[in-house]
PDB file of N, CA and C in Angstrom:
ATOM      1  N   MET A   1      41.546  47.284  39.302  1.00  0.00           N
ATOM      2  CA  MET A   1      41.227  46.994  37.953  1.00  0.00           C
ATOM      3  C   MET A   1      42.383  46.416  37.202  1.00  0.00           C
ATOM      4  N   VAL A   2      42.315  45.354  36.559  1.00  0.00           N
ATOM      5  CA  VAL A   2      43.490  44.818  35.945  1.00  0.00           C
ATOM      6  C   VAL A   2      43.240  44.987  34.409  1.00  0.00           C
ATOM      7  N   ILE A   3      44.282  45.611  33.740  1.00  0.00           N
ATOM      8  CA  ILE A   3      44.187  45.836  32.346  1.00  0.00           C
ATOM      9  C   ILE A   3      45.195  44.813  31.727  1.00  0.00           C
ATOM     10  N   SER A   4      44.804  44.179  30.663  1.00  0.00           N
ATOM     11  CA  SER A   4      45.558  43.164  30.061  1.00  0.00           C
ATOM     12  C   SER A   4      46.812  43.867  29.395  1.00  0.00           C
ATOM     13  N   ASN A   5      47.841  43.131  29.142  1.00  0.00           N
ATOM     14  CA  ASN A   5      49.134  43.709  28.580  1.00  0.00           C
ATOM     15  C   ASN A   5      48.876  44.427  27.258  1.00  0.00           C
ATOM     16  N   GLY A   6      48.037  43.904  26.364  1.00  0.00           N
ATOM     17  CA  GLY A   6      47.836  44.595  25.083  1.00  0.00           C
ATOM     18  C   GLY A   6      47.137  45.952  25.283  1.00  0.00           C
ATOM     19  N   LYS A   7      46.147  45.927  26.037  1.00  0.00           N
ATOM     20  CA  LYS A   7      45.485  47.215  26.322  1.00  0.00           C
ATOM     21  C   LYS A   7      46.354  48.243  27.012  1.00  0.00           C
ATOM     22  N   SER A   8      47.199  47.797  27.856  1.00  0.00           N
ATOM     23  CA  SER A   8      48.152  48.805  28.499  1.00  0.00           C
ATOM     24  C   SER A   8      49.105  49.237  27.520  1.00  0.00           C
ATOM     25  N   MET A   9      49.538  48.545  26.455  1.00  0.00           N
ATOM     26  CA  MET A   9      50.395  49.029  25.484  1.00  0.00           C
ATOM     27  C   MET A   9      49.656  50.057  24.551  1.00  0.00           C
ATOM     28  N   ILE A  10      48.486  49.912  24.330  1.00  0.00           N
ATOM     29  CA  ILE A  10      47.718  50.705  23.433  1.00  0.00           C
ATOM     30  C   ILE A  10      47.512  52.127  24.220  1.00  0.00           C
ATOM     31  N   ALA A  11      47.113  51.939  25.449  1.00  0.00           N
ATOM     32  CA  ALA A  11      46.949  53.107  26.339  1.00  0.00           C
ATOM     33  C   ALA A  11      48.225  53.923  26.453  1.00  0.00           C
ATOM     34  N   ALA A  12      49.325  53.193  26.662  1.00  0.00           N
ATOM     35  CA  ALA A  12      50.712  53.896  26.744  1.00  0.00           C
ATOM     36  C   ALA A  12      51.036  54.592  25.431  1.00  0.00           C
ATOM     37  N   SER A  13      50.813  53.928  24.297  1.00  0.00           N
ATOM     38  CA  SER A  13      51.039  54.461  22.994  1.00  0.00           C
ATOM     39  C   SER A  13      50.274  55.742  22.716  1.00  0.00           C
ATOM     40  N   PHE A  14      48.969  55.705  23.155  1.00  0.00           N
ATOM     41  CA  PHE A  14      48.068  56.800  22.936  1.00  0.00           C
ATOM     42  C   PHE A  14      48.570  57.952  23.841  1.00  0.00           C
ATOM     43  N   ILE A  15      48.931  57.732  25.005  1.00  0.00           N
ATOM     44  CA  ILE A  15      49.363  58.820  25.925  1.00  0.00           C
ATOM     45  C   ILE A  15      50.610  59.417  25.381  1.00  0.00           C
ATOM     46  N   LEU A  16      51.522  58.570  24.855  1.00  0.00           N
ATOM     47  CA  LEU A  16      52.874  58.990  24.287  1.00  0.00           C
ATOM     48  C   LEU A  16      52.604  59.917  23.104  1.00  0.00           C
ATOM     49  N   GLY A  17      51.736  59.417  22.142  1.00  0.00           N
ATOM     50  CA  GLY A  17      51.425  60.158  21.023  1.00  0.00           C
ATOM     51  C   GLY A  17      50.778  61.537  21.278  1.00  0.00           C
ATOM     52  N   VAL A  18      49.787  61.581  22.226  1.00  0.00           N
ATOM     53  CA  VAL A  18      49.219  62.841  22.594  1.00  0.00           C
ATOM     54  C   VAL A  18      50.275  63.793  23.212  1.00  0.00           C
ATOM     55  N   SER A  19      51.118  63.231  24.049  1.00  0.00           N
ATOM     56  CA  SER A  19      52.207  64.103  24.675  1.00  0.00           C
ATOM     57  C   SER A  19      53.148  64.590  23.596  1.00  0.00           C
ATOM     58  N   PHE A  20      53.438  63.815  22.597  1.00  0.00           N
ATOM     59  CA  PHE A  20      54.357  64.240  21.541  1.00  0.00           C
ATOM     60  C   PHE A  20      53.742  65.431  20.735  1.00  0.00           C
ATOM     61  N   ILE A  21      52.380  65.210  20.434  1.00  0.00           N
ATOM     62  CA  ILE A  21      51.700  66.332  19.620  1.00  0.00           C
ATOM     63  C   ILE A  21      51.574  67.696  20.411  1.00  0.00           C
ATOM     64  N   VAL A  22      51.291  67.491  21.757  1.00  0.00           N
ATOM     65  CA  VAL A  22      51.055  68.665  22.571  1.00  0.00           C
ATOM     66  C   VAL A  22      52.506  69.351  22.736  1.00  0.00           C
ATOM     67  N   GLY A  23      53.548  68.602  22.813  1.00  0.00           N
ATOM     68  CA  GLY A  23      54.902  69.064  23.012  1.00  0.00           C
ATOM     69  C   GLY A  23      55.418  69.881  21.674  1.00  0.00           C
ATOM     70  N   CYS A  24      55.089  69.281  20.501  1.00  0.00           N
ATOM     71  CA  CYS A  24      55.385  69.815  19.269  1.00  0.00           C
ATOM     72  C   CYS A  24      54.664  71.241  19.215  1.00  0.00           C
ATOM     73  N   MET A  25      53.396  71.294  19.585  1.00  0.00           N
ATOM     74  CA  MET A  25      52.568  72.435  19.519  1.00  0.00           C
ATOM     75  C   MET A  25      53.185  73.586  20.422  1.00  0.00           C
ATOM     76  N   PHE A  26      53.622  73.171  21.550  1.00  0.00           N
ATOM     77  CA  PHE A  26      54.149  74.127  22.501  1.00  0.00           C
ATOM     78  C   PHE A  26      55.648  74.615  21.921  1.00  0.00           C
ATOM     79  N   LEU A  27      56.451  73.803  21.320  1.00  0.00           N
ATOM     80  CA  LEU A  27      57.636  74.199  20.812  1.00  0.00           C
ATOM     81  C   LEU A  27      57.401  75.174  19.620  1.00  0.00           C
ATOM     82  N   GLU A  28      56.404  74.865  18.737  1.00  0.00           N
ATOM     83  CA  GLU A  28      56.006  75.750  17.660  1.00  0.00           C
ATOM     84  C   GLU A  28      55.674  77.093  18.025  1.00  0.00           C
ATOM     85  N   LYS A  29      54.954  77.236  19.085  1.00  0.00           N
ATOM     86  CA  LYS A  29      54.452  78.608  19.599  1.00  0.00           C
ATOM     87  C   LYS A  29      55.700  79.369  20.176  1.00  0.00           C
ATOM     88  N   ASN A  30      56.687  78.735  20.708  1.00  0.00           N
ATOM     89  CA  ASN A  30      57.808  79.359  21.176  1.00  0.00           C
ATOM     90  C   ASN A  30      58.920  79.875  20.136  1.00  0.00           C
ATOM     91  N   ASP A  31      58.698  79.301  18.850  1.00  0.00           N
ATOM     92  CA  ASP A  31      59.551  79.674  17.761  1.00  0.00           C
ATOM     93  C   ASP A  31      59.102  80.921  17.146  1.00  0.00           C
ATOM     94  N   VAL A  32      57.926  81.368  17.407  1.00  0.00           N
ATOM     95  CA  VAL A  32      57.391  82.560  16.772  1.00  0.00           C
ATOM     96  C   VAL A  32      58.162  83.867  17.389  1.00  0.00           C
ATOM     97  N   PRO A  33      58.754  84.627  16.457  1.00  0.00           N
ATOM     98  CA  PRO A  33      59.500  85.798  16.996  1.00  0.00           C
ATOM     99  C   PRO A  33      58.609  86.626  17.841  1.00  0.00           C
ATOM    100  N   ASN A  34      59.141  87.171  18.878  1.00  0.00           N
ATOM    101  CA  ASN A  34      58.524  88.109  19.748  1.00  0.00           C
ATOM    102  C   ASN A  34      58.380  89.479  18.991  1.00  0.00           C
ATOM    103  N   LYS A  35      57.165  89.989  18.906  1.00  0.00           N
ATOM    104  CA  LYS A  35      56.999  91.246  18.249  1.00  0.00           C
ATOM    105  C   LYS A  35      57.722  92.370  18.881  1.00  0.00           C
ATOM    106  N   GLU A  36      58.012  92.302  20.090  1.00  0.00           N
ATOM    107  CA  GLU A  36      58.634  93.382  20.887  1.00  0.00           C
ATOM    108  C   GLU A  36      60.115  93.400  20.594  1.00  0.00           C
ATOM    109  N   GLN A  37      60.736  92.342  20.059  1.00  0.00           N
ATOM    110  CA  GLN A  37      62.098  92.357  19.714  1.00  0.00           C
ATOM    111  C   GLN A  37      62.483  93.172  18.540  1.00  0.00           C
ATOM    112  N   SER A  38      63.668  93.625  18.448  1.00  0.00           N
ATOM    113  CA  SER A  38      64.053  94.369  17.206  1.00  0.00           C
ATOM    114  C   SER A  38      63.839  93.613  15.992  1.00  0.00           C
ATOM    115  N   ASP A  39      63.550  94.368  14.836  1.00  0.00           N
ATOM    116  CA  ASP A  39      63.385  93.751  13.642  1.00  0.00           C
ATOM    117  C   ASP A  39      64.745  93.356  13.087  1.00  0.00           C
ATOM    118  N   VAL A  40      65.814  93.928  13.497  1.00  0.00           N
ATOM    119  CA  VAL A  40      67.123  93.655  12.952  1.00  0.00           C
ATOM    120  C   VAL A  40      67.841  92.819  13.961  1.00  0.00           C
ATOM    121  N   THR A  41      68.222  91.637  13.587  1.00  0.00           N
ATOM    122  CA  THR A  41      69.126  90.737  14.384  1.00  0.00           C
ATOM    123  C   THR A  41      70.264  90.336  13.645  1.00  0.00           C
ATOM    124  N   ILE A  42      71.380  90.151  14.266  1.00  0.00           N
ATOM    125  CA  ILE A  42      72.528  89.607  13.559  1.00  0.00           C
ATOM    126  C   ILE A  42      72.745  88.191  13.876  1.00  0.00           C
ATOM    127  N   SER A  43      72.647  87.394  12.824  1.00  0.00           N
ATOM    128  CA  SER A  43      72.833  85.930  13.035  1.00  0.00           C
ATOM    129  C   SER A  43      74.325  85.586  13.016  1.00  0.00           C
ATOM    130  N   VAL A  44      74.708  84.646  13.938  1.00  0.00           N
ATOM    131  CA  VAL A  44      76.075  84.212  13.934  1.00  0.00           C
ATOM    132  C   VAL A  44      76.472  83.532  12.580  1.00  0.00           C
ATOM    133  N   GLU A  45      75.542  82.833  12.021  1.00  0.00           N
ATOM    134  CA  GLU A  45      75.860  82.049  10.745  1.00  0.00           C
ATOM    135  C   GLU A  45      75.854  82.904   9.609  1.00  0.00           C
ATOM    136  N   LYS A  46      75.440  84.127   9.656  1.00  0.00           N
ATOM    137  CA  LYS A  46      75.261  85.027   8.496  1.00  0.00           C
ATOM    138  C   LYS A  46      76.495  85.771   8.104  1.00  0.00           C
ATOM    139  N   PRO A  47      77.234  85.497   7.090  1.00  0.00           N
ATOM    140  CA  PRO A  47      78.490  86.138   6.837  1.00  0.00           C
ATOM    141  C   PRO A  47      78.434  87.571   6.342  1.00  0.00           C
ATOM    142  N   LEU A  48      77.167  88.001   5.774  1.00  0.00           N
ATOM    143  CA  LEU A  48      77.010  89.289   5.208  1.00  0.00           C
ATOM    144  C   LEU A  48      75.961  90.053   6.032  1.00  0.00           C
ATOM    145  N   LEU A  49      76.157  91.289   6.182  1.00  0.00           N
ATOM    146  CA  LEU A  49      75.254  92.141   6.871  1.00  0.00           C
ATOM    147  C   LEU A  49      74.651  93.155   5.939  1.00  0.00           C
ATOM    148  N   THR A  50      73.501  93.602   6.096  1.00  0.00           N
ATOM    149  CA  THR A  50      72.992  94.692   5.319  1.00  0.00           C
ATOM    150  C   THR A  50      73.473  95.983   5.840  1.00  0.00           C
ATOM    151  N   ILE A  51      73.356  97.090   5.221  1.00  0.00           N
ATOM    152  CA  ILE A  51      73.807  98.424   5.706  1.00  0.00           C
ATOM    153  C   ILE A  51      73.098  98.680   7.086  1.00  0.00           C
ATOM    154  N   GLU A  52      71.729  98.335   7.144  1.00  0.00           N
ATOM    155  CA  GLU A  52      71.130  98.618   8.360  1.00  0.00           C
ATOM    156  C   GLU A  52      71.639  97.733   9.513  1.00  0.00           C
ATOM    157  N   GLU A  53      71.954  96.506   9.323  1.00  0.00           N
ATOM    158  CA  GLU A  53      72.529  95.662  10.313  1.00  0.00           C
ATOM    159  C   GLU A  53      73.950  96.175  10.723  1.00  0.00           C
ATOM    160  N   ALA A  54      74.748  96.581   9.845  1.00  0.00           N
ATOM    161  CA  ALA A  54      76.055  96.993  10.152  1.00  0.00           C
ATOM    162  C   ALA A  54      75.977  98.360  10.855  1.00  0.00           C
ATOM    163  N   ALA A  55      75.101  99.312  10.453  1.00  0.00           N
ATOM    164  CA  ALA A  55      74.853 100.472  11.192  1.00  0.00           C
ATOM    165  C   ALA A  55      74.413 100.255  12.589  1.00  0.00           C
ATOM    166  N   ASN A  56      73.560  99.338  12.885  1.00  0.00           N
ATOM    167  CA  ASN A  56      73.149  99.032  14.253  1.00  0.00           C
ATOM    168  C   ASN A  56      74.314  98.482  15.039  1.00  0.00           C
ATOM    169  N   TYR A  57      75.154  97.654  14.421  1.00  0.00           N
ATOM    170  CA  TYR A  57      76.187  96.961  15.094  1.00  0.00           C
ATOM    171  C   TYR A  57      77.256  97.824  15.384  1.00  0.00           C
ATOM    172  N   LEU A  58      77.605  98.862  14.524  1.00  0.00           N
ATOM    173  CA  LEU A  58      78.635  99.966  14.767  1.00  0.00           C
ATOM    174  C   LEU A  58      78.059 101.071  15.630  1.00  0.00           C
ATOM    175  N   HIS A  59      76.662 101.097  15.814  1.00  0.00           N
ATOM    176  CA  HIS A  59      76.102 102.332  16.357  1.00  0.00           C
ATOM    177  C   HIS A  59      76.373 103.610  15.601  1.00  0.00           C
ATOM    178  N   LEU A  60      76.141 103.462  14.295  1.00  0.00           N
ATOM    179  CA  LEU A  60      76.209 104.524  13.260  1.00  0.00           C
ATOM    180  C   LEU A  60      74.891 104.629  12.496  1.00  0.00           C
ATOM    181  N   SER A  61      74.704 105.671  11.778  1.00  0.00           N
ATOM    182  CA  SER A  61      73.567 105.723  10.900  1.00  0.00           C
ATOM    183  C   SER A  61      74.001 105.018   9.648  1.00  0.00           C
ATOM    184  N   GLU A  62      72.920 104.777   8.826  1.00  0.00           N
ATOM    185  CA  GLU A  62      73.081 104.252   7.571  1.00  0.00           C
ATOM    186  C   GLU A  62      73.947 105.247   6.613  1.00  0.00           C
ATOM    187  N   ASN A  63      73.595 106.539   6.789  1.00  0.00           N
ATOM    188  CA  ASN A  63      74.224 107.531   6.068  1.00  0.00           C
ATOM    189  C   ASN A  63      75.707 107.679   6.376  1.00  0.00           C
ATOM    190  N   GLU A  64      75.954 107.511   7.674  1.00  0.00           N
ATOM    191  CA  GLU A  64      77.363 107.503   8.017  1.00  0.00           C
ATOM    192  C   GLU A  64      78.221 106.449   7.461  1.00  0.00           C
ATOM    193  N   ILE A  65      77.641 105.236   7.406  1.00  0.00           N
ATOM    194  CA  ILE A  65      78.320 104.089   6.755  1.00  0.00           C
ATOM    195  C   ILE A  65      78.481 104.380   5.253  1.00  0.00           C
ATOM    196  N   LYS A  66      77.508 104.851   4.536  1.00  0.00           N
ATOM    197  CA  LYS A  66      77.528 105.251   3.195  1.00  0.00           C
ATOM    198  C   LYS A  66      78.597 106.341   2.991  1.00  0.00           C
ATOM    199  N   GLN A  67      78.690 107.303   3.913  1.00  0.00           N
ATOM    200  CA  GLN A  67      79.697 108.478   3.781  1.00  0.00           C
ATOM    201  C   GLN A  67      81.115 107.781   3.899  1.00  0.00           C
ATOM    202  N   ILE A  68      81.405 106.845   4.827  1.00  0.00           N
ATOM    203  CA  ILE A  68      82.653 106.209   4.988  1.00  0.00           C
ATOM    204  C   ILE A  68      83.126 105.612   3.646  1.00  0.00           C
ATOM    205  N   ILE A  69      82.138 104.796   3.180  1.00  0.00           N
ATOM    206  CA  ILE A  69      82.373 104.090   1.847  1.00  0.00           C
ATOM    207  C   ILE A  69      82.730 105.039   0.669  1.00  0.00           C
ATOM    208  N   HIS A  70      81.916 106.193   0.607  1.00  0.00           N
ATOM    209  CA  HIS A  70      82.086 107.239  -0.327  1.00  0.00           C
ATOM    210  C   HIS A  70      83.421 107.941  -0.107  1.00  0.00           C
ATOM    211  N   THR A  71      83.656 108.218   0.963  1.00  0.00           N
ATOM    212  CA  THR A  71      85.011 108.972   1.295  1.00  0.00           C
ATOM    213  C   THR A  71      86.206 108.129   0.920  1.00  0.00           C
ATOM    214  N   GLU A  72      86.192 106.876   1.259  1.00  0.00           N
ATOM    215  CA  GLU A  72      87.331 105.969   0.894  1.00  0.00           C
ATOM    216  C   GLU A  72      87.348 105.792  -0.673  1.00  0.00           C
ATOM    217  N   GLN A  73      86.240 105.736  -1.304  1.00  0.00           N
ATOM    218  CA  GLN A  73      86.221 105.588  -2.681  1.00  0.00           C
ATOM    219  C   GLN A  73      86.914 106.873  -3.417  1.00  0.00           C
ATOM    220  N   ILE A  74      86.497 108.073  -2.833  1.00  0.00           N
ATOM    221  CA  ILE A  74      87.064 109.291  -3.454  1.00  0.00           C
ATOM    222  C   ILE A  74      88.552 109.317  -3.218  1.00  0.00           C
ATOM    223  N   GLN A  75      89.128 108.846  -2.033  1.00  0.00           N
ATOM    224  CA  GLN A  75      90.535 108.789  -1.669  1.00  0.00           C
ATOM    225  C   GLN A  75      91.190 107.824  -2.705  1.00  0.00           C
ATOM    226  N   LEU A  76      90.685 106.666  -2.858  1.00  0.00           N
ATOM    227  CA  LEU A  76      91.095 105.788  -3.801  1.00  0.00           C
ATOM    228  C   LEU A  76      91.240 106.230  -5.202  1.00  0.00           C
ATOM    229  N   THR A  77      90.172 106.859  -5.656  1.00  0.00           N
ATOM    230  CA  THR A  77      90.141 107.318  -7.092  1.00  0.00           C
ATOM    231  C   THR A  77      91.145 108.567  -7.229  1.00  0.00           C
ATOM    232  N   THR A  78      91.154 109.386  -6.283  1.00  0.00           N
ATOM    233  CA  THR A  78      91.959 110.717  -6.372  1.00  0.00           C
ATOM    234  C   THR A  78      93.490 110.263  -6.250  1.00  0.00           C
ATOM    235  N   ALA A  79      93.844 109.500  -5.235  1.00  0.00           N
ATOM    236  CA  ALA A  79      95.295 109.218  -5.106  1.00  0.00           C
ATOM    237  C   ALA A  79      95.718 108.056  -5.860  1.00  0.00           C
ATOM    238  N   GLY A  80      94.765 107.205  -6.349  1.00  0.00           N
ATOM    239  CA  GLY A  80      95.198 106.087  -7.058  1.00  0.00           C
ATOM    240  C   GLY A  80      95.390 104.780  -6.234  1.00  0.00           C
ATOM    241  N   SER A  81      95.473 104.967  -4.891  1.00  0.00           N
ATOM    242  CA  SER A  81      95.634 103.954  -3.956  1.00  0.00           C
ATOM    243  C   SER A  81      95.017 104.282  -2.606  1.00  0.00           C
ATOM    244  N   PHE A  82      94.876 103.307  -1.737  1.00  0.00           N
ATOM    245  CA  PHE A  82      94.284 103.611  -0.419  1.00  0.00           C
ATOM    246  C   PHE A  82      95.277 102.889   0.558  1.00  0.00           C
ATOM    247  N   SER A  83      95.766 103.681   1.537  1.00  0.00           N
ATOM    248  CA  SER A  83      96.680 103.069   2.608  1.00  0.00           C
ATOM    249  C   SER A  83      95.732 102.490   3.586  1.00  0.00           C
ATOM    250  N   GLY A  84      95.944 101.204   3.796  1.00  0.00           N
ATOM    251  CA  GLY A  84      95.213 100.497   4.889  1.00  0.00           C
ATOM    252  C   GLY A  84      93.970  99.732   4.317  1.00  0.00           C
ATOM    253  N   VAL A  85      93.209  99.160   5.228  1.00  0.00           N
ATOM    254  CA  VAL A  85      92.120  98.414   4.980  1.00  0.00           C
ATOM    255  C   VAL A  85      90.835  99.286   4.662  1.00  0.00           C
ATOM    256  N   MET A  86      90.127  99.053   3.628  1.00  0.00           N
ATOM    257  CA  MET A  86      89.007  99.794   3.217  1.00  0.00           C
ATOM    258  C   MET A  86      87.753  99.154   3.920  1.00  0.00           C
ATOM    259  N   PHE A  87      86.639  99.811   4.064  1.00  0.00           N
ATOM    260  CA  PHE A  87      85.426  99.349   4.482  1.00  0.00           C
ATOM    261  C   PHE A  87      84.969  98.183   3.682  1.00  0.00           C
ATOM    262  N   PRO A  88      84.783  97.027   4.288  1.00  0.00           N
ATOM    263  CA  PRO A  88      84.480  95.745   3.665  1.00  0.00           C
ATOM    264  C   PRO A  88      83.101  95.551   3.027  1.00  0.00           C
ATOM    265  N   TYR A  89      82.763  96.073   1.882  1.00  0.00           N
ATOM    266  CA  TYR A  89      81.470  95.935   1.393  1.00  0.00           C
ATOM    267  C   TYR A  89      81.513  95.330  -0.036  1.00  0.00           C
ATOM    268  N   ILE A  90      80.325  94.794  -0.506  1.00  0.00           N
ATOM    269  CA  ILE A  90      80.152  94.468  -1.804  1.00  0.00           C
ATOM    270  C   ILE A  90      78.837  95.116  -2.197  1.00  0.00           C
ATOM    271  N   LYS A  91      78.688  95.411  -3.482  1.00  0.00           N
ATOM    272  CA  LYS A  91      77.417  96.058  -3.918  1.00  0.00           C
ATOM    273  C   LYS A  91      76.751  95.189  -4.870  1.00  0.00           C
ATOM    274  N   VAL A  92      75.494  94.856  -4.700  1.00  0.00           N
ATOM    275  CA  VAL A  92      74.750  93.948  -5.595  1.00  0.00           C
ATOM    276  C   VAL A  92      73.459  94.852  -6.043  1.00  0.00           C
ATOM    277  N   GLY A  93      73.552  95.273  -7.297  1.00  0.00           N
ATOM    278  CA  GLY A  93      72.530  96.149  -7.766  1.00  0.00           C
ATOM    279  C   GLY A  93      72.677  97.535  -7.003  1.00  0.00           C
ATOM    280  N   GLU A  94      71.697  97.891  -6.258  1.00  0.00           N
ATOM    281  CA  GLU A  94      71.746  99.102  -5.407  1.00  0.00           C
ATOM    282  C   GLU A  94      71.917  98.769  -4.015  1.00  0.00           C
ATOM    283  N   LYS A  95      72.023  97.528  -3.629  1.00  0.00           N
ATOM    284  CA  LYS A  95      72.191  97.182  -2.198  1.00  0.00           C
ATOM    285  C   LYS A  95      73.678  96.896  -1.789  1.00  0.00           C
ATOM    286  N   PHE A  96      73.993  97.314  -0.559  1.00  0.00           N
ATOM    287  CA  PHE A  96      75.347  97.198  -0.104  1.00  0.00           C
ATOM    288  C   PHE A  96      75.243  95.981   0.900  1.00  0.00           C
ATOM    289  N   TYR A  97      76.301  95.194   0.882  1.00  0.00           N
ATOM    290  CA  TYR A  97      76.455  94.099   1.899  1.00  0.00           C
ATOM    291  C   TYR A  97      77.795  94.197   2.550  1.00  0.00           C
ATOM    292  N   ILE A  98      77.882  93.956   3.816  1.00  0.00           N
ATOM    293  CA  ILE A  98      79.181  94.123   4.541  1.00  0.00           C
ATOM    294  C   ILE A  98      79.600  92.790   5.021  1.00  0.00           C
ATOM    295  N   SER A  99      80.821  92.324   4.735  1.00  0.00           N
ATOM    296  CA  SER A  99      81.452  91.129   5.363  1.00  0.00           C
ATOM    297  C   SER A  99      81.662  91.301   6.735  1.00  0.00           C
ATOM    298  N   LYS A 100      80.971  90.435   7.519  1.00  0.00           N
ATOM    299  CA  LYS A 100      81.007  90.483   8.998  1.00  0.00           C
ATOM    300  C   LYS A 100      82.511  90.191   9.456  1.00  0.00           C
ATOM    301  N   ASN A 101      83.078  89.284   8.949  1.00  0.00           N
ATOM    302  CA  ASN A 101      84.500  88.916   9.344  1.00  0.00           C
ATOM    303  C   ASN A 101      85.480  90.079   9.065  1.00  0.00           C
ATOM    304  N   GLU A 102      85.413  90.598   7.903  1.00  0.00           N
ATOM    305  CA  GLU A 102      86.289  91.674   7.432  1.00  0.00           C
ATOM    306  C   GLU A 102      85.986  92.986   8.146  1.00  0.00           C
ATOM    307  N   LEU A 103      84.676  93.136   8.561  1.00  0.00           N
ATOM    308  CA  LEU A 103      84.216  94.279   9.399  1.00  0.00           C
ATOM    309  C   LEU A 103      85.233  94.359  10.647  1.00  0.00           C
ATOM    310  N   MET A 104      85.413  93.307  11.285  1.00  0.00           N
ATOM    311  CA  MET A 104      86.145  93.347  12.472  1.00  0.00           C
ATOM    312  C   MET A 104      87.610  93.705  12.212  1.00  0.00           C
ATOM    313  N   VAL A 105      88.101  93.198  11.076  1.00  0.00           N
ATOM    314  CA  VAL A 105      89.502  93.606  10.740  1.00  0.00           C
ATOM    315  C   VAL A 105      89.602  95.115  10.449  1.00  0.00           C
ATOM    316  N   TRP A 106      88.531  95.623   9.735  1.00  0.00           N
ATOM    317  CA  TRP A 106      88.450  97.120   9.460  1.00  0.00           C
ATOM    318  C   TRP A 106      88.429  97.903  10.698  1.00  0.00           C
ATOM    319  N   ILE A 107      87.477  97.375  11.590  1.00  0.00           N
ATOM    320  CA  ILE A 107      87.426  98.172  12.947  1.00  0.00           C
ATOM    321  C   ILE A 107      88.724  98.191  13.719  1.00  0.00           C
ATOM    322  N   ASN A 108      89.459  97.143  13.717  1.00  0.00           N
ATOM    323  CA  ASN A 108      90.701  97.035  14.417  1.00  0.00           C
ATOM    324  C   ASN A 108      91.811  97.899  13.758  1.00  0.00           C
ATOM    325  N   GLU A 109      91.883  97.867  12.483  1.00  0.00           N
ATOM    326  CA  GLU A 109      92.919  98.702  11.860  1.00  0.00           C
ATOM    327  C   GLU A 109      92.477 100.209  11.969  1.00  0.00           C
ATOM    328  N   THR A 110      91.280 100.465  11.530  1.00  0.00           N
ATOM    329  CA  THR A 110      90.812 101.819  11.643  1.00  0.00           C
ATOM    330  C   THR A 110      91.038 102.456  13.024  1.00  0.00           C
ATOM    331  N   SER A 111      90.824 101.754  14.060  1.00  0.00           N
ATOM    332  CA  SER A 111      91.022 102.100  15.435  1.00  0.00           C
ATOM    333  C   SER A 111      92.433 102.411  15.760  1.00  0.00           C
ATOM    334  N   ARG A 112      93.309 101.376  15.358  1.00  0.00           N
ATOM    335  CA  ARG A 112      94.739 101.344  15.668  1.00  0.00           C
ATOM    336  C   ARG A 112      95.280 102.597  14.925  1.00  0.00           C
ATOM    337  N   GLU A 113      94.850 102.923  13.671  1.00  0.00           N
ATOM    338  CA  GLU A 113      95.461 104.077  12.910  1.00  0.00           C
ATOM    339  C   GLU A 113      94.882 105.425  13.463  1.00  0.00           C
ATOM    340  N   ARG A 114      93.771 105.270  14.138  1.00  0.00           N
ATOM    341  CA  ARG A 114      93.043 106.546  14.550  1.00  0.00           C
ATOM    342  C   ARG A 114      92.595 107.279  13.335  1.00  0.00           C
ATOM    343  N   ARG A 115      92.020 106.599  12.522  1.00  0.00           N
ATOM    344  CA  ARG A 115      91.665 107.145  11.237  1.00  0.00           C
ATOM    345  C   ARG A 115      90.483 108.057  11.480  1.00  0.00           C
ATOM    346  N   GLU A 116      90.439 109.236  10.727  1.00  0.00           N
ATOM    347  CA  GLU A 116      89.235 110.204  10.901  1.00  0.00           C
ATOM    348  C   GLU A 116      88.641 110.406   9.601  1.00  0.00           C
ATOM    349  N   TYR A 117      87.292 110.524   9.561  1.00  0.00           N
ATOM    350  CA  TYR A 117      86.531 110.706   8.340  1.00  0.00           C
ATOM    351  C   TYR A 117      85.944 112.167   8.480  1.00  0.00           C
ATOM    352  N   ALA A 118      86.377 113.152   7.724  1.00  0.00           N
ATOM    353  CA  ALA A 118      85.903 114.467   7.884  1.00  0.00           C
ATOM    354  C   ALA A 118      85.804 115.142   6.587  1.00  0.00           C
ATOM    355  N   ALA A 119      84.698 115.842   6.288  1.00  0.00           N
ATOM    356  CA  ALA A 119      84.543 116.641   5.092  1.00  0.00           C
ATOM    357  C   ALA A 119      84.924 115.904   3.863  1.00  0.00           C
ATOM    358  N   GLY A 120      84.534 114.583   3.658  1.00  0.00           N
ATOM    359  CA  GLY A 120      84.815 113.923   2.497  1.00  0.00           C
ATOM    360  C   GLY A 120      86.266 113.443   2.245  1.00  0.00           C
ATOM    361  N   THR A 121      87.055 113.540   3.434  1.00  0.00           N
ATOM    362  CA  THR A 121      88.470 113.028   3.273  1.00  0.00           C
ATOM    363  C   THR A 121      88.757 112.123   4.450  1.00  0.00           C
ATOM    364  N   VAL A 122      89.786 111.291   4.156  1.00  0.00           N
ATOM    365  CA  VAL A 122      90.209 110.421   5.206  1.00  0.00           C
ATOM    366  C   VAL A 122      91.481 110.875   5.726  1.00  0.00           C
ATOM    367  N   ILE A 123      91.623 111.013   7.187  1.00  0.00           N
ATOM    368  CA  ILE A 123      92.764 111.499   7.765  1.00  0.00           C
ATOM    369  C   ILE A 123      93.338 110.256   8.454  1.00  0.00           C
ATOM    370  N   GLN A 124      94.625 109.905   8.008  1.00  0.00           N
ATOM    371  CA  GLN A 124      95.164 108.661   8.569  1.00  0.00           C
ATOM    372  C   GLN A 124      96.492 108.992   9.298  1.00  0.00           C
TER     373      GLN A 124
END
């Protein structure tokens, strides 16, 4: 069976169009997040973390993070200064956000100093 050049172009265009639509539908289905995955993910592009994300990242509870912040603030208020890098947060309304880049600096310095947080005080 011989198909004229015009008809073969139409058939090829139709097949290409259908393939494109099917491919887009397939990709769209793969972009839906898996329900079994954790609800909390840390994006590489995201410069700020929520308390929950920071807690998961540090393997601490949200209360432990808040206690670290509170303890450092008490030390700063009581002594008038704080020696070293403080936990890197900002507060917007009632929500805390943690700088991901500065969190790594805080982890490195806190570990190097072997800083301890106990009973509302910071031991350096």
